[in-house]
Amino acid sequence: MKQVGFYFSRAPYEARSDCPECGWMNTTSDPMATFESIKINRPVYVQCDHCETLYNIGGTGEEED
């Protein structure tokens, strides 16, 4: 599964990411939950609204040494 980054948008309570397959801009409704998941290395899966590709904008889920 592909992993991509995200960024906070100007609209409150939104984060955005580009689909790695088609480039469509997808919106995540809870950016703080996404950020907290990244801090503890938990994956955050997003399904593209355009091509339905599933991708990860969070952590890897693997334990760090």
PDB file of N, CA and C in Angstrom:
ATOM      1  N   MET A   1       0.841  -1.173   0.000  1.00  0.00           N
ATOM      2  CA  MET A   1       0.000   0.000   0.000  1.00  0.00           C
ATOM      3  C   MET A   1       0.886   1.236   0.000  1.00  0.00           C
ATOM      4  N   LYS A   2       0.529   2.189  -0.808  1.00  0.00           N
ATOM      5  CA  LYS A   2       1.322   3.410  -0.917  1.00  0.00           C
ATOM      6  C   LYS A   2       1.065   4.319   0.269  1.00  0.00           C
ATOM      7  N   GLN A   3       2.118   5.031   0.667  1.00  0.00           N
ATOM      8  CA  GLN A   3       2.022   5.981   1.761  1.00  0.00           C
ATOM      9  C   GLN A   3       2.345   7.365   1.218  1.00  0.00           C
ATOM     10  N   VAL A   4       1.484   8.328   1.510  1.00  0.00           N
ATOM     11  CA  VAL A   4       1.675   9.698   1.053  1.00  0.00           C
ATOM     12  C   VAL A   4       1.505  10.648   2.233  1.00  0.00           C
ATOM     13  N   GLY A   5       1.930  11.873   2.056  1.00  0.00           N
ATOM     14  CA  GLY A   5       1.780  12.884   3.088  1.00  0.00           C
ATOM     15  C   GLY A   5       0.448  13.605   2.979  1.00  0.00           C
ATOM     16  N   PHE A   6       0.204  14.472   3.924  1.00  0.00           N
ATOM     17  CA  PHE A   6      -0.996  15.296   3.897  1.00  0.00           C
ATOM     18  C   PHE A   6      -0.630  16.679   4.393  1.00  0.00           C
ATOM     19  N   TYR A   7      -1.526  17.626   4.210  1.00  0.00           N
ATOM     20  CA  TYR A   7      -1.301  18.962   4.745  1.00  0.00           C
ATOM     21  C   TYR A   7      -2.618  19.533   5.246  1.00  0.00           C
ATOM     22  N   PHE A   8      -2.516  20.432   6.216  1.00  0.00           N
ATOM     23  CA  PHE A   8      -3.700  21.087   6.752  1.00  0.00           C
ATOM     24  C   PHE A   8      -4.189  22.123   5.757  1.00  0.00           C
ATOM     25  N   SER A   9      -5.487  22.239   5.619  1.00  0.00           N
ATOM     26  CA  SER A   9      -6.058  23.227   4.704  1.00  0.00           C
ATOM     27  C   SER A   9      -6.460  24.473   5.482  1.00  0.00           C
ATOM     28  N   ARG A  10      -6.868  25.488   4.758  1.00  0.00           N
ATOM     29  CA  ARG A  10      -7.328  26.721   5.399  1.00  0.00           C
ATOM     30  C   ARG A  10      -8.641  26.517   6.136  1.00  0.00           C
ATOM     31  N   ALA A  11      -9.457  25.619   5.615  1.00  0.00           N
ATOM     32  CA  ALA A  11     -10.733  25.334   6.275  1.00  0.00           C
ATOM     33  C   ALA A  11     -10.456  24.644   7.613  1.00  0.00           C
ATOM     34  N   PRO A  12     -11.137  25.052   8.658  1.00  0.00           N
ATOM     35  CA  PRO A  12     -10.893  24.408   9.960  1.00  0.00           C
ATOM     36  C   PRO A  12     -11.306  22.939   9.930  1.00  0.00           C
ATOM     37  N   TYR A  13     -10.556  22.140  10.644  1.00  0.00           N
ATOM     38  CA  TYR A  13     -10.853  20.716  10.790  1.00  0.00           C
ATOM     39  C   TYR A  13     -10.765  19.926   9.500  1.00  0.00           C
ATOM     40  N   GLU A  14      -9.873  20.316   8.604  1.00  0.00           N
ATOM     41  CA  GLU A  14      -9.660  19.554   7.379  1.00  0.00           C
ATOM     42  C   GLU A  14      -8.179  19.371   7.105  1.00  0.00           C
ATOM     43  N   ALA A  15      -7.842  18.205   6.610  1.00  0.00           N
ATOM     44  CA  ALA A  15      -6.504  17.924   6.089  1.00  0.00           C
ATOM     45  C   ALA A  15      -6.698  17.369   4.692  1.00  0.00           C
ATOM     46  N   ARG A  16      -5.750  17.612   3.818  1.00  0.00           N
ATOM     47  CA  ARG A  16      -5.887  17.166   2.424  1.00  0.00           C
ATOM     48  C   ARG A  16      -4.694  16.320   2.009  1.00  0.00           C
ATOM     49  N   SER A  17      -4.951  15.431   1.069  1.00  0.00           N
ATOM     50  CA  SER A  17      -3.891  14.587   0.521  1.00  0.00           C
ATOM     51  C   SER A  17      -4.185  14.324  -0.944  1.00  0.00           C
ATOM     52  N   ASP A  18      -3.128  14.115  -1.715  1.00  0.00           N
ATOM     53  CA  ASP A  18      -3.269  13.782  -3.130  1.00  0.00           C
ATOM     54  C   ASP A  18      -3.217  12.269  -3.296  1.00  0.00           C
ATOM     55  N   CYS A  19      -4.148  11.724  -4.060  1.00  0.00           N
ATOM     56  CA  CYS A  19      -4.144  10.294  -4.348  1.00  0.00           C
ATOM     57  C   CYS A  19      -2.875   9.946  -5.128  1.00  0.00           C
ATOM     58  N   PRO A  20      -2.161   8.892  -4.716  1.00  0.00           N
ATOM     59  CA  PRO A  20      -0.929   8.528  -5.424  1.00  0.00           C
ATOM     60  C   PRO A  20      -1.176   7.937  -6.817  1.00  0.00           C
ATOM     61  N   GLU A  21      -2.393   7.511  -7.104  1.00  0.00           N
ATOM     62  CA  GLU A  21      -2.706   6.917  -8.403  1.00  0.00           C
ATOM     63  C   GLU A  21      -3.204   7.942  -9.416  1.00  0.00           C
ATOM     64  N   CYS A  22      -4.197   8.746  -9.021  1.00  0.00           N
ATOM     65  CA  CYS A  22      -4.824   9.646  -9.998  1.00  0.00           C
ATOM     66  C   CYS A  22      -4.577  11.126  -9.709  1.00  0.00           C
ATOM     67  N   GLY A  23      -4.025  11.459  -8.540  1.00  0.00           N
ATOM     68  CA  GLY A  23      -3.735  12.845  -8.205  1.00  0.00           C
ATOM     69  C   GLY A  23      -4.917  13.627  -7.660  1.00  0.00           C
ATOM     70  N   TRP A  24      -6.061  12.980  -7.473  1.00  0.00           N
ATOM     71  CA  TRP A  24      -7.261  13.641  -6.968  1.00  0.00           C
ATOM     72  C   TRP A  24      -7.008  14.140  -5.548  1.00  0.00           C
ATOM     73  N   MET A  25      -7.508  15.318  -5.224  1.00  0.00           N
ATOM     74  CA  MET A  25      -7.361  15.886  -3.892  1.00  0.00           C
ATOM     75  C   MET A  25      -8.473  15.359  -2.988  1.00  0.00           C
ATOM     76  N   ASN A  26      -8.094  14.660  -1.931  1.00  0.00           N
ATOM     77  CA  ASN A  26      -9.054  14.105  -0.982  1.00  0.00           C
ATOM     78  C   ASN A  26      -8.968  14.865   0.333  1.00  0.00           C
ATOM     79  N   THR A  27     -10.087  14.972   1.035  1.00  0.00           N
ATOM     80  CA  THR A  27     -10.153  15.701   2.293  1.00  0.00           C
ATOM     81  C   THR A  27     -10.402  14.731   3.434  1.00  0.00           C
ATOM     82  N   THR A  28      -9.642  14.874   4.502  1.00  0.00           N
ATOM     83  CA  THR A  28      -9.811  14.100   5.721  1.00  0.00           C
ATOM     84  C   THR A  28     -10.447  15.020   6.750  1.00  0.00           C
ATOM     85  N   SER A  29     -11.493  14.563   7.401  1.00  0.00           N
ATOM     86  CA  SER A  29     -12.266  15.444   8.262  1.00  0.00           C
ATOM     87  C   SER A  29     -11.688  15.662   9.658  1.00  0.00           C
ATOM     88  N   ASP A  30     -10.737  14.860  10.089  1.00  0.00           N
ATOM     89  CA  ASP A  30     -10.204  15.026  11.436  1.00  0.00           C
ATOM     90  C   ASP A  30      -8.678  15.048  11.424  1.00  0.00           C
ATOM     91  N   PRO A  31      -8.077  16.178  11.069  1.00  0.00           N
ATOM     92  CA  PRO A  31      -6.616  16.235  10.953  1.00  0.00           C
ATOM     93  C   PRO A  31      -5.882  16.028  12.265  1.00  0.00           C
ATOM     94  N   MET A  32      -6.469  16.419  13.383  1.00  0.00           N
ATOM     95  CA  MET A  32      -5.782  16.227  14.666  1.00  0.00           C
ATOM     96  C   MET A  32      -5.683  14.747  15.011  1.00  0.00           C
ATOM     97  N   ALA A  33      -6.715  13.972  14.703  1.00  0.00           N
ATOM     98  CA  ALA A  33      -6.652  12.528  14.916  1.00  0.00           C
ATOM     99  C   ALA A  33      -5.589  11.915  14.005  1.00  0.00           C
ATOM    100  N   THR A  34      -5.482  12.413  12.779  1.00  0.00           N
ATOM    101  CA  THR A  34      -4.449  11.948  11.855  1.00  0.00           C
ATOM    102  C   THR A  34      -3.070  12.250  12.414  1.00  0.00           C
ATOM    103  N   PHE A  35      -2.876  13.458  12.901  1.00  0.00           N
ATOM    104  CA  PHE A  35      -1.589  13.858  13.466  1.00  0.00           C
ATOM    105  C   PHE A  35      -1.237  13.007  14.687  1.00  0.00           C
ATOM    106  N   GLU A  36      -2.186  12.756  15.560  1.00  0.00           N
ATOM    107  CA  GLU A  36      -1.944  11.921  16.739  1.00  0.00           C
ATOM    108  C   GLU A  36      -1.591  10.492  16.327  1.00  0.00           C
ATOM    109  N   SER A  37      -2.236   9.970  15.290  1.00  0.00           N
ATOM    110  CA  SER A  37      -1.921   8.624  14.807  1.00  0.00           C
ATOM    111  C   SER A  37      -0.499   8.553  14.263  1.00  0.00           C
ATOM    112  N   ILE A  38      -0.062   9.593  13.579  1.00  0.00           N
ATOM    113  CA  ILE A  38       1.303   9.635  13.065  1.00  0.00           C
ATOM    114  C   ILE A  38       2.299   9.652  14.217  1.00  0.00           C
ATOM    115  N   LYS A  39       1.988  10.398  15.276  1.00  0.00           N
ATOM    116  CA  LYS A  39       2.886  10.478  16.435  1.00  0.00           C
ATOM    117  C   LYS A  39       3.119   9.110  17.068  1.00  0.00           C
ATOM    118  N   ILE A  40       2.101   8.243  17.055  1.00  0.00           N
ATOM    119  CA  ILE A  40       2.258   6.906  17.634  1.00  0.00           C
ATOM    120  C   ILE A  40       2.466   5.846  16.556  1.00  0.00           C
ATOM    121  N   ASN A  41       2.747   6.297  15.339  1.00  0.00           N
ATOM    122  CA  ASN A  41       3.095   5.430  14.209  1.00  0.00           C
ATOM    123  C   ASN A  41       1.958   4.492  13.802  1.00  0.00           C
ATOM    124  N   ARG A  42       0.730   4.957  13.883  1.00  0.00           N
ATOM    125  CA  ARG A  42      -0.423   4.166  13.478  1.00  0.00           C
ATOM    126  C   ARG A  42      -0.860   4.571  12.067  1.00  0.00           C
ATOM    127  N   PRO A  43      -1.148   3.605  11.190  1.00  0.00           N
ATOM    128  CA  PRO A  43      -1.608   3.927   9.840  1.00  0.00           C
ATOM    129  C   PRO A  43      -2.958   4.650   9.849  1.00  0.00           C
ATOM    130  N   VAL A  44      -3.156   5.531   8.893  1.00  0.00           N
ATOM    131  CA  VAL A  44      -4.434   6.208   8.682  1.00  0.00           C
ATOM    132  C   VAL A  44      -4.776   6.014   7.207  1.00  0.00           C
ATOM    133  N   TYR A  45      -5.789   5.207   6.943  1.00  0.00           N
ATOM    134  CA  TYR A  45      -6.128   4.856   5.565  1.00  0.00           C
ATOM    135  C   TYR A  45      -7.176   5.808   4.994  1.00  0.00           C
ATOM    136  N   VAL A  46      -6.985   6.177   3.746  1.00  0.00           N
ATOM    137  CA  VAL A  46      -7.905   7.046   3.011  1.00  0.00           C
ATOM    138  C   VAL A  46      -8.253   6.338   1.713  1.00  0.00           C
ATOM    139  N   GLN A  47      -9.524   6.388   1.340  1.00  0.00           N
ATOM    140  CA  GLN A  47      -9.930   5.864   0.040  1.00  0.00           C
ATOM    141  C   GLN A  47     -10.248   7.045  -0.859  1.00  0.00           C
ATOM    142  N   CYS A  48      -9.619   7.059  -2.023  1.00  0.00           N
ATOM    143  CA  CYS A  48      -9.812   8.149  -2.977  1.00  0.00           C
ATOM    144  C   CYS A  48     -11.271   8.236  -3.413  1.00  0.00           C
ATOM    145  N   ASP A  49     -11.801   9.458  -3.401  1.00  0.00           N
ATOM    146  CA  ASP A  49     -13.176   9.677  -3.838  1.00  0.00           C
ATOM    147  C   ASP A  49     -13.344   9.497  -5.340  1.00  0.00           C
ATOM    148  N   HIS A  50     -12.258   9.594  -6.082  1.00  0.00           N
ATOM    149  CA  HIS A  50     -12.327   9.549  -7.543  1.00  0.00           C
ATOM    150  C   HIS A  50     -12.090   8.151  -8.107  1.00  0.00           C
ATOM    151  N   CYS A  51     -10.958   7.528  -7.738  1.00  0.00           N
ATOM    152  CA  CYS A  51     -10.615   6.221  -8.327  1.00  0.00           C
ATOM    153  C   CYS A  51     -10.720   5.064  -7.330  1.00  0.00           C
ATOM    154  N   GLU A  52     -11.062   5.364  -6.078  1.00  0.00           N
ATOM    155  CA  GLU A  52     -11.269   4.377  -5.014  1.00  0.00           C
ATOM    156  C   GLU A  52     -10.002   3.640  -4.583  1.00  0.00           C
ATOM    157  N   THR A  53      -8.830   4.196  -4.886  1.00  0.00           N
ATOM    158  CA  THR A  53      -7.573   3.623  -4.408  1.00  0.00           C
ATOM    159  C   THR A  53      -7.465   3.847  -2.901  1.00  0.00           C
ATOM    160  N   LEU A  54      -7.031   2.830  -2.177  1.00  0.00           N
ATOM    161  CA  LEU A  54      -6.820   2.934  -0.742  1.00  0.00           C
ATOM    162  C   LEU A  54      -5.342   3.232  -0.499  1.00  0.00           C
ATOM    163  N   TYR A  55      -5.055   4.274   0.284  1.00  0.00           N
ATOM    164  CA  TYR A  55      -3.665   4.622   0.593  1.00  0.00           C
ATOM    165  C   TYR A  55      -3.549   5.112   2.023  1.00  0.00           C
ATOM    166  N   ASN A  56      -2.330   5.193   2.513  1.00  0.00           N
ATOM    167  CA  ASN A  56      -2.041   5.520   3.903  1.00  0.00           C
ATOM    168  C   ASN A  56      -1.447   6.921   4.008  1.00  0.00           C
ATOM    169  N   ILE A  57      -2.008   7.749   4.899  1.00  0.00           N
ATOM    170  CA  ILE A  57      -1.422   9.064   5.153  1.00  0.00           C
ATOM    171  C   ILE A  57      -0.836   9.154   6.553  1.00  0.00           C
ATOM    172  N   GLY A  58      -0.806   8.016   7.262  1.00  0.00           N
ATOM    173  CA  GLY A  58      -0.315   8.007   8.633  1.00  0.00           C
ATOM    174  C   GLY A  58       1.017   7.305   8.771  1.00  0.00           C
ATOM    175  N   GLY A  59       1.183   6.647   9.906  1.00  0.00           N
ATOM    176  CA  GLY A  59       2.425   5.938  10.210  1.00  0.00           C
ATOM    177  C   GLY A  59       2.480   4.582   9.533  1.00  0.00           C
ATOM    178  N   THR A  60       3.577   3.881   9.780  1.00  0.00           N
ATOM    179  CA  THR A  60       3.780   2.573   9.159  1.00  0.00           C
ATOM    180  C   THR A  60       3.185   1.428   9.962  1.00  0.00           C
ATOM    181  N   GLY A  61       2.943   1.640  11.244  1.00  0.00           N
ATOM    182  CA  GLY A  61       2.433   0.587  12.080  1.00  0.00           C
ATOM    183  C   GLY A  61       3.494  -0.354  12.596  1.00  0.00           C
ATOM    184  N   GLU A  62       4.738  -0.138  12.184  1.00  0.00           N
ATOM    185  CA  GLU A  62       5.839  -0.988  12.633  1.00  0.00           C
ATOM    186  C   GLU A  62       6.475  -0.399  13.881  1.00  0.00           C
ATOM    187  N   GLU A  63       6.929  -1.284  14.770  1.00  0.00           N
ATOM    188  CA  GLU A  63       7.584  -0.814  15.986  1.00  0.00           C
ATOM    189  C   GLU A  63       8.929  -0.215  15.659  1.00  0.00           C
ATOM    190  N   GLU A  64       9.222   0.905  16.326  1.00  0.00           N
ATOM    191  CA  GLU A  64      10.523   1.553  16.135  1.00  0.00           C
ATOM    192  C   GLU A  64      11.464   1.115  17.227  1.00  0.00           C
ATOM    193  N   ASP A  65      12.738   1.004  16.902  1.00  0.00           N
ATOM    194  CA  ASP A  65      13.739   0.599  17.910  1.00  0.00           C
ATOM    195  C   ASP A  65      14.166   1.759  18.754  1.00  0.00           C
TER     196      ASP A  65
END
